[in-house]
Amino acid sequence: MPVVPTTAYSQAEDALTLARALLNDNSGAVFTDTMLLPLLNSAYRGLQRELAEAGVSVLAEQQDIELDQDPTTGITPTVLSDASSPQLPTDCLMPQMLWERATANTTDVFIPMEKFTSGGSMLNLQPSTYLRMWGWREDQINLIGATQSITVRVRYEKVLPILTSGADLVLIRSSTDPLAFATAALAARSRGARALAADLLGTAQTAVEKLIERYIRPEQIQARRIELSAVWKQGGDRSGLEIRVQHCGPRLLHDELYGEASTRALRGSLNQQVCCSRWCAVDDRTFLSAASSNRRAESNQGQSGKCGPQAALPCKQNATEHRQKGQQNRRDHERTEMRNGR
């Protein structure tokens, strides 16, 4: 079966044709390709900056660079730049991460290198068998040097080549609309039609935002709130209950179930029991005890008209017991995880 060559990238001519249609010049009598190509490249660079600032990985590239020992010094090169030998990739804008591996050990895995970010020159360390550290300063990668040949894997943010004709591929998928609207806006501004330019620029910005959403949405983690009130209402077994806590999650959840007063009472013990951004077991009796205390406080307030800290909040001894119980539950949970891991 013959293979039909296809591509998901559009041509620059697609954006140029749409831009002329937006400017009411379908025939190209005024806005020719020669006139619009510089404007299209400006919009192209602007779109790349927008994607990079949003953290879209479409502009990320990776390349392995082999650093051989100098026959005189016995040390690998300490600089990787546009003029060094070997040199940085020609489309490299800025390196993001580096890994290293001994060139002779082709079966070894690449080991991450530590980035030196304290400013100034690299540390005055003696070269060893591996590079270990790297720094980025004055548009070049600075290294300590190694006493054996090293292969460095560089992951970097790349710059896409400029568009020189309508047949060139636009190396950003689904970017025809934002590029065409931005190109038309620049062309309208060059002719003094500022109102039209502002309208086209606003539409271009909306198209860019939609494009960014399409790129980053699959990489986002969908958070889901766990409804616990039904568990308490059914009166089922709640031992070993696990919840995901982030930031003020437990406090907001507890406010919803039992009221703000009992949440304040448990703030100290909850902080001891729950560690943010991790999974951990929470003793449900902590919640139930505070809920009972809160209901008793509301009942006392309705009967006597008095409400104070002792009425609404558990005593210090109970809070200490809850904290100790929570710590014990956490230790038991960690031991269980260790056993399961073995």
Protein backbone atom coordinates (compact mmCIF):
# COMPACT_ATOMS: atom_id res chain seq x y z
CA MET A 1 0.00 0.00 0.00
CA PRO A 2 1.58 3.29 -1.01
CA VAL A 3 2.33 5.81 1.71
CA VAL A 4 0.82 9.22 1.05
CA PRO A 5 2.92 12.00 2.58
CA THR A 6 0.79 14.24 4.77
CA THR A 7 1.42 16.99 7.24
CA ALA A 8 -0.61 18.74 9.92
CA TYR A 9 1.29 21.97 9.35
CA SER A 10 -0.29 24.63 7.18
CA GLN A 11 1.59 26.76 4.69
CA ALA A 12 2.34 30.43 5.09
CA GLU A 13 0.18 31.12 2.04
CA ASP A 14 -2.91 30.02 4.00
CA ALA A 15 -2.38 32.78 6.56
CA LEU A 16 -1.53 35.31 3.82
CA THR A 17 -4.71 34.49 1.89
CA LEU A 18 -6.88 34.87 4.99
CA ALA A 19 -5.16 38.13 5.90
CA ARG A 20 -5.89 39.58 2.43
CA ALA A 21 -9.53 38.51 2.76
CA LEU A 22 -9.80 40.31 6.11
CA LEU A 23 -8.35 43.44 4.46
CA ASN A 24 -10.82 43.21 1.54
CA ASP A 25 -8.03 42.58 -0.95
CA ASN A 26 -8.67 39.05 -2.21
CA SER A 27 -6.90 39.70 -5.49
CA GLY A 28 -3.72 40.87 -3.78
CA ALA A 29 -3.62 44.12 -5.71
CA VAL A 30 -2.42 46.06 -2.66
CA PHE A 31 -1.24 43.55 -0.08
CA THR A 32 1.10 41.25 -1.98
CA ASP A 33 3.12 38.42 -0.46
CA THR A 34 6.22 40.58 -0.52
CA MET A 35 4.46 43.22 1.56
CA LEU A 36 2.79 40.83 4.02
CA LEU A 37 5.64 38.37 4.67
CA PRO A 38 7.57 40.67 7.07
CA LEU A 39 4.33 41.30 8.96
CA LEU A 40 3.57 37.58 9.04
CA ASN A 41 7.03 36.86 10.47
CA SER A 42 6.44 39.49 13.16
CA ALA A 43 3.16 37.79 14.10
CA TYR A 44 4.95 34.43 13.95
CA ARG A 45 7.58 35.55 16.47
CA GLY A 46 4.91 37.05 18.70
CA LEU A 47 2.98 33.77 18.72
CA GLN A 48 6.14 31.89 19.69
CA ARG A 49 6.67 34.24 22.64
CA GLU A 50 3.06 33.77 23.76
CA LEU A 51 3.40 29.99 23.65
CA ALA A 52 6.73 30.04 25.50
CA GLU A 53 5.36 32.29 28.25
CA ALA A 54 2.39 29.94 28.67
CA GLY A 55 4.72 26.96 29.10
CA VAL A 56 3.68 25.19 25.91
CA SER A 57 6.23 22.50 25.09
CA VAL A 58 5.79 22.75 21.31
CA LEU A 59 8.96 24.85 21.13
CA ALA A 60 11.11 22.40 23.10
CA GLU A 61 13.90 20.50 21.33
CA GLN A 62 16.54 18.01 22.43
CA GLN A 63 19.98 17.22 21.04
CA ASP A 64 23.02 15.21 22.11
CA ILE A 65 26.43 16.93 21.92
CA GLU A 66 29.65 14.95 22.23
CA LEU A 67 32.49 16.64 24.13
CA ASP A 68 35.86 15.07 23.43
CA GLN A 69 39.00 15.50 25.51
CA ASP A 70 41.53 18.05 24.38
CA PRO A 71 44.72 16.20 23.36
CA THR A 72 46.85 18.79 25.19
CA THR A 73 45.01 19.39 28.44
CA GLY A 74 43.07 16.14 28.64
CA ILE A 75 39.95 18.14 29.60
CA THR A 76 36.67 18.45 27.70
CA PRO A 77 35.56 21.93 26.51
CA THR A 78 34.28 24.23 29.25
CA VAL A 79 32.12 26.40 26.98
CA LEU A 80 29.29 25.67 24.57
CA SER A 81 28.36 28.71 22.46
CA ASP A 82 27.50 29.67 18.90
CA ALA A 83 31.21 29.99 18.09
CA SER A 84 32.64 27.04 20.06
CA SER A 85 33.54 23.61 18.73
CA PRO A 86 31.28 21.79 19.17
CA GLN A 87 28.71 24.56 19.16
CA LEU A 88 25.18 25.03 20.43
CA PRO A 89 22.33 24.00 18.14
CA THR A 90 21.65 26.75 15.63
CA ASP A 91 18.00 27.07 16.69
CA CYS A 92 18.74 27.20 20.44
CA LEU A 93 17.26 30.19 22.24
CA MET A 94 17.90 29.08 25.82
CA PRO A 95 18.81 25.71 27.43
CA GLN A 96 16.38 24.31 29.96
CA MET A 97 17.91 21.04 31.23
CA LEU A 98 21.14 19.12 30.71
CA TRP A 99 22.06 15.46 31.22
CA GLU A 100 25.42 13.73 30.82
CA ARG A 101 26.80 10.28 30.10
CA ALA A 102 30.26 8.93 29.49
CA THR A 103 30.62 8.64 25.72
CA ALA A 104 32.22 5.21 25.97
CA ASN A 105 29.37 3.81 28.09
CA THR A 106 26.64 3.82 25.48
CA THR A 107 24.40 1.55 27.54
CA ASP A 108 24.35 3.85 30.58
CA VAL A 109 21.46 6.20 31.26
CA PHE A 110 21.88 9.96 31.12
CA ILE A 111 22.38 11.55 34.55
CA PRO A 112 20.79 14.98 35.23
CA MET A 113 23.25 17.82 35.73
CA GLU A 114 22.79 20.52 38.36
CA LYS A 115 22.28 24.07 37.12
CA PHE A 116 24.44 26.71 38.80
CA THR A 117 22.12 29.68 39.41
CA SER A 118 23.97 31.77 42.00
CA GLY A 119 25.24 34.26 39.42
CA GLY A 120 28.80 35.05 38.45
CA SER A 121 31.21 32.56 36.96
CA MET A 122 31.22 28.82 37.54
CA LEU A 123 32.59 27.41 40.77
CA ASN A 124 36.35 26.94 40.86
CA LEU A 125 36.23 23.16 41.01
CA GLN A 126 38.75 20.68 39.69
CA PRO A 127 37.63 18.62 36.67
CA SER A 128 36.63 15.05 37.47
CA THR A 129 35.27 12.13 35.49
CA TYR A 130 31.90 13.90 35.01
CA LEU A 131 30.84 17.50 34.39
CA ARG A 132 28.30 17.56 37.27
CA MET A 133 27.25 21.24 36.92
CA TRP A 134 26.41 23.78 34.24
CA GLY A 135 25.51 27.44 34.02
CA TRP A 136 23.98 29.77 31.41
CA ARG A 137 25.58 33.19 31.09
CA GLU A 138 26.26 35.56 28.20
CA ASP A 139 24.45 33.27 25.76
CA GLN A 140 26.71 30.30 26.39
CA ILE A 141 26.75 27.15 28.51
CA ASN A 142 29.61 27.16 31.01
CA LEU A 143 31.00 23.85 32.24
CA ILE A 144 33.68 22.71 34.69
CA GLY A 145 35.19 20.15 32.33
CA ALA A 146 35.71 16.39 32.61
CA THR A 147 38.68 14.07 32.31
CA GLN A 148 36.89 11.73 29.91
CA SER A 149 34.77 12.20 26.81
CA ILE A 150 31.22 13.13 27.77
CA THR A 151 28.00 13.15 25.77
CA VAL A 152 25.72 15.98 26.90
CA ARG A 153 22.00 15.88 26.20
CA VAL A 154 20.61 19.40 25.95
CA ARG A 155 16.92 20.21 26.14
CA TYR A 156 16.33 23.77 25.02
CA GLU A 157 13.76 26.24 23.80
CA LYS A 158 14.11 26.61 20.08
CA VAL A 159 13.43 29.41 17.62
CA LEU A 160 11.47 28.49 14.51
CA PRO A 161 12.94 29.49 11.14
CA ILE A 162 11.56 32.59 9.46
CA LEU A 163 9.07 32.30 6.62
CA THR A 164 10.56 33.32 3.27
CA SER A 165 7.77 32.30 0.89
CA GLY A 166 4.17 31.22 0.83
CA ALA A 167 5.21 27.59 0.41
CA ASP A 168 7.05 27.46 3.76
CA LEU A 169 5.45 25.40 6.51
CA VAL A 170 4.22 27.13 9.66
CA LEU A 171 5.61 24.82 12.36
CA ILE A 172 2.85 25.53 14.88
CA ARG A 173 -0.26 23.46 14.42
CA SER A 174 -3.64 25.18 13.97
CA SER A 175 -2.05 28.63 13.94
CA THR A 176 -3.48 29.95 10.67
CA ASP A 177 -6.20 32.06 12.29
CA PRO A 178 -4.14 33.84 14.98
CA LEU A 179 -1.35 34.53 12.48
CA ALA A 180 -3.73 35.79 9.79
CA PHE A 181 -5.61 38.13 12.14
CA ALA A 182 -2.37 39.49 13.61
CA THR A 183 -0.88 40.00 10.14
CA ALA A 184 -4.00 41.81 8.96
CA ALA A 185 -3.93 44.00 12.08
CA LEU A 186 -0.33 45.03 11.40
CA ALA A 187 -1.15 45.73 7.76
CA ALA A 188 -4.20 47.83 8.70
CA ARG A 189 -2.13 49.81 11.19
CA SER A 190 0.48 50.52 8.52
CA ARG A 191 -2.29 52.09 6.41
CA GLY A 192 -3.61 54.23 9.28
CA ALA A 193 -6.79 52.18 9.87
CA ARG A 194 -6.34 52.06 13.62
CA ALA A 195 -9.93 51.11 14.45
CA LEU A 196 -9.79 48.12 12.12
CA ALA A 197 -6.34 47.23 13.44
CA ALA A 198 -7.58 47.25 17.04
CA ASP A 199 -10.54 45.02 16.14
CA LEU A 200 -8.35 42.55 14.27
CA LEU A 201 -5.76 42.53 17.05
CA GLY A 202 -8.41 41.70 19.64
CA THR A 203 -9.65 38.79 17.53
CA ALA A 204 -6.05 37.59 17.08
CA GLN A 205 -5.48 37.64 20.84
CA THR A 206 -8.63 35.59 21.40
CA ALA A 207 -7.46 33.05 18.82
CA VAL A 208 -4.06 32.83 20.53
CA GLU A 209 -5.69 32.18 23.90
CA LYS A 210 -7.83 29.41 22.41
CA LEU A 211 -4.75 27.85 20.80
CA ILE A 212 -2.88 27.90 24.11
CA GLU A 213 -5.85 26.25 25.84
CA ARG A 214 -5.78 23.42 23.30
CA TYR A 215 -2.11 22.83 24.01
CA ILE A 216 -2.11 23.01 27.81
CA ARG A 217 -5.50 21.51 28.69
CA PRO A 218 -4.39 17.87 28.18
CA GLU A 219 -1.48 18.52 30.57
CA GLN A 220 -3.67 19.88 33.37
CA ILE A 221 -4.76 17.76 36.33
CA GLN A 222 -8.50 17.84 36.89
CA ALA A 223 -9.24 18.39 40.58
CA ARG A 224 -12.33 16.69 42.00
CA ARG A 225 -13.99 17.48 45.30
CA ILE A 226 -14.74 14.46 47.45
CA GLU A 227 -18.20 14.58 49.00
CA LEU A 228 -17.89 13.31 52.56
CA SER A 229 -21.22 14.39 54.02
CA ALA A 230 -22.99 11.39 52.47
CA VAL A 231 -20.58 9.04 54.23
CA TRP A 232 -21.45 10.53 57.62
CA LYS A 233 -25.17 10.50 56.87
CA GLN A 234 -25.11 6.81 55.95
CA GLY A 235 -23.22 5.94 59.10
CA GLY A 236 -20.84 3.59 57.30
CA ASP A 237 -17.33 2.52 58.27
CA ARG A 238 -15.08 5.56 57.92
CA SER A 239 -11.86 4.14 59.38
CA GLY A 240 -8.79 4.62 57.21
CA LEU A 241 -10.53 7.32 55.17
CA GLU A 242 -8.15 9.08 52.79
CA ILE A 243 -8.59 12.61 51.44
CA ARG A 244 -6.47 14.78 49.17
CA VAL A 245 -5.61 18.05 50.89
CA GLN A 246 -4.30 21.12 49.11
CA HIS A 247 -3.86 24.54 50.69
CA CYS A 248 -7.00 25.27 52.78
CA GLY A 249 -8.89 22.19 51.62
CA PRO A 250 -9.55 20.60 55.02
CA ARG A 251 -10.65 23.86 56.57
CA LEU A 252 -13.10 24.67 53.78
CA LEU A 253 -14.45 21.12 53.77
CA HIS A 254 -14.90 21.16 57.53
CA ASP A 255 -16.59 24.56 57.40
CA GLU A 256 -19.12 23.15 54.98
CA LEU A 257 -19.89 20.11 57.12
CA TYR A 258 -19.78 21.35 60.70
CA GLY A 259 -19.41 25.13 60.77
CA GLU A 260 -16.56 27.57 61.20
CA ALA A 261 -16.39 27.32 65.02
CA SER A 262 -15.41 23.65 65.09
CA THR A 263 -12.94 24.25 62.26
CA ARG A 264 -11.09 26.79 64.39
CA ALA A 265 -10.99 24.25 67.20
CA LEU A 266 -9.43 21.62 64.97
CA ARG A 267 -7.02 23.86 63.08
CA GLY A 268 -4.07 22.94 65.26
CA SER A 269 -4.74 19.21 65.29
CA LEU A 270 -5.50 19.10 61.57
CA ASN A 271 -2.22 20.79 60.79
CA GLN A 272 -0.48 17.99 62.68
CA GLN A 273 -2.46 15.25 60.94
CA VAL A 274 -2.67 16.46 57.33
CA CYS A 275 0.34 17.21 55.14
CA CYS A 276 -0.44 19.30 52.04
CA SER A 277 0.02 17.79 48.57
CA ARG A 278 0.19 14.18 49.78
CA TRP A 279 -2.16 11.33 50.63
CA CYS A 280 -2.60 10.53 54.29
CA ALA A 281 -5.15 8.87 56.57
CA VAL A 282 -7.31 11.09 58.74
CA ASP A 283 -9.08 9.88 61.84
CA ASP A 284 -12.77 10.57 61.26
CA ARG A 285 -13.40 10.72 65.02
CA THR A 286 -11.59 14.06 65.02
CA PHE A 287 -14.31 15.47 62.79
CA LEU A 288 -17.12 13.74 64.66
CA SER A 289 -15.92 14.92 68.08
CA ALA A 290 -15.68 18.51 66.91
CA ALA A 291 -19.08 18.26 65.24
CA SER A 292 -20.62 17.03 68.47
CA SER A 293 -18.91 19.84 70.41
CA ASN A 294 -20.21 22.38 67.92
CA ARG A 295 -23.77 21.06 68.15
CA ARG A 296 -23.60 21.09 71.97
CA ALA A 297 -22.38 24.67 71.87
CA GLU A 298 -25.27 25.69 69.60
CA SER A 299 -27.70 23.90 71.93
CA ASN A 300 -26.26 25.62 75.01
CA GLN A 301 -26.44 28.97 73.30
CA GLY A 302 -30.10 28.45 72.51
CA GLN A 303 -30.93 27.46 76.09
CA SER A 304 -28.93 29.95 78.12
CA GLY A 305 -28.16 32.65 75.58
CA LYS A 306 -24.45 32.37 76.38
CA CYS A 307 -21.74 31.32 73.97
CA GLY A 308 -18.04 31.42 74.73
CA PRO A 309 -14.83 29.69 73.80
CA GLN A 310 -15.39 26.89 76.31
CA ALA A 311 -18.86 26.24 74.93
CA ALA A 312 -17.97 26.14 71.22
CA LEU A 313 -14.47 24.69 71.24
CA PRO A 314 -13.17 21.39 72.60
CA CYS A 315 -10.94 21.67 75.64
CA LYS A 316 -7.16 21.69 75.33
CA GLN A 317 -6.93 18.12 76.58
CA ASN A 318 -9.23 16.88 73.80
CA ALA A 319 -7.26 18.80 71.18
CA THR A 320 -4.04 17.22 72.46
CA GLU A 321 -5.62 13.77 72.29
CA HIS A 322 -6.80 14.41 68.73
CA ARG A 323 -3.33 15.57 67.72
CA GLN A 324 -1.65 12.52 69.24
CA LYS A 325 -4.20 10.22 67.64
CA GLY A 326 -3.65 11.84 64.27
CA GLN A 327 0.11 11.47 64.58
CA GLN A 328 -0.27 7.80 65.45
CA ASN A 329 -2.58 7.25 62.48
CA ARG A 330 -0.06 8.89 60.19
CA ARG A 331 2.76 6.68 61.47
CA ASP A 332 0.61 3.57 61.07
CA HIS A 333 -0.30 4.65 57.54
CA GLU A 334 3.33 5.17 56.60
CA ARG A 335 4.27 1.74 57.98
CA THR A 336 1.47 0.17 55.92
CA GLU A 337 2.70 1.90 52.79
CA MET A 338 6.25 0.67 53.45
CA ARG A 339 5.04 -2.91 53.89
CA ASN A 340 2.97 -2.74 50.73
CA GLY A 341 5.92 -1.28 48.85
CA ARG A 342 8.06 -4.26 49.76
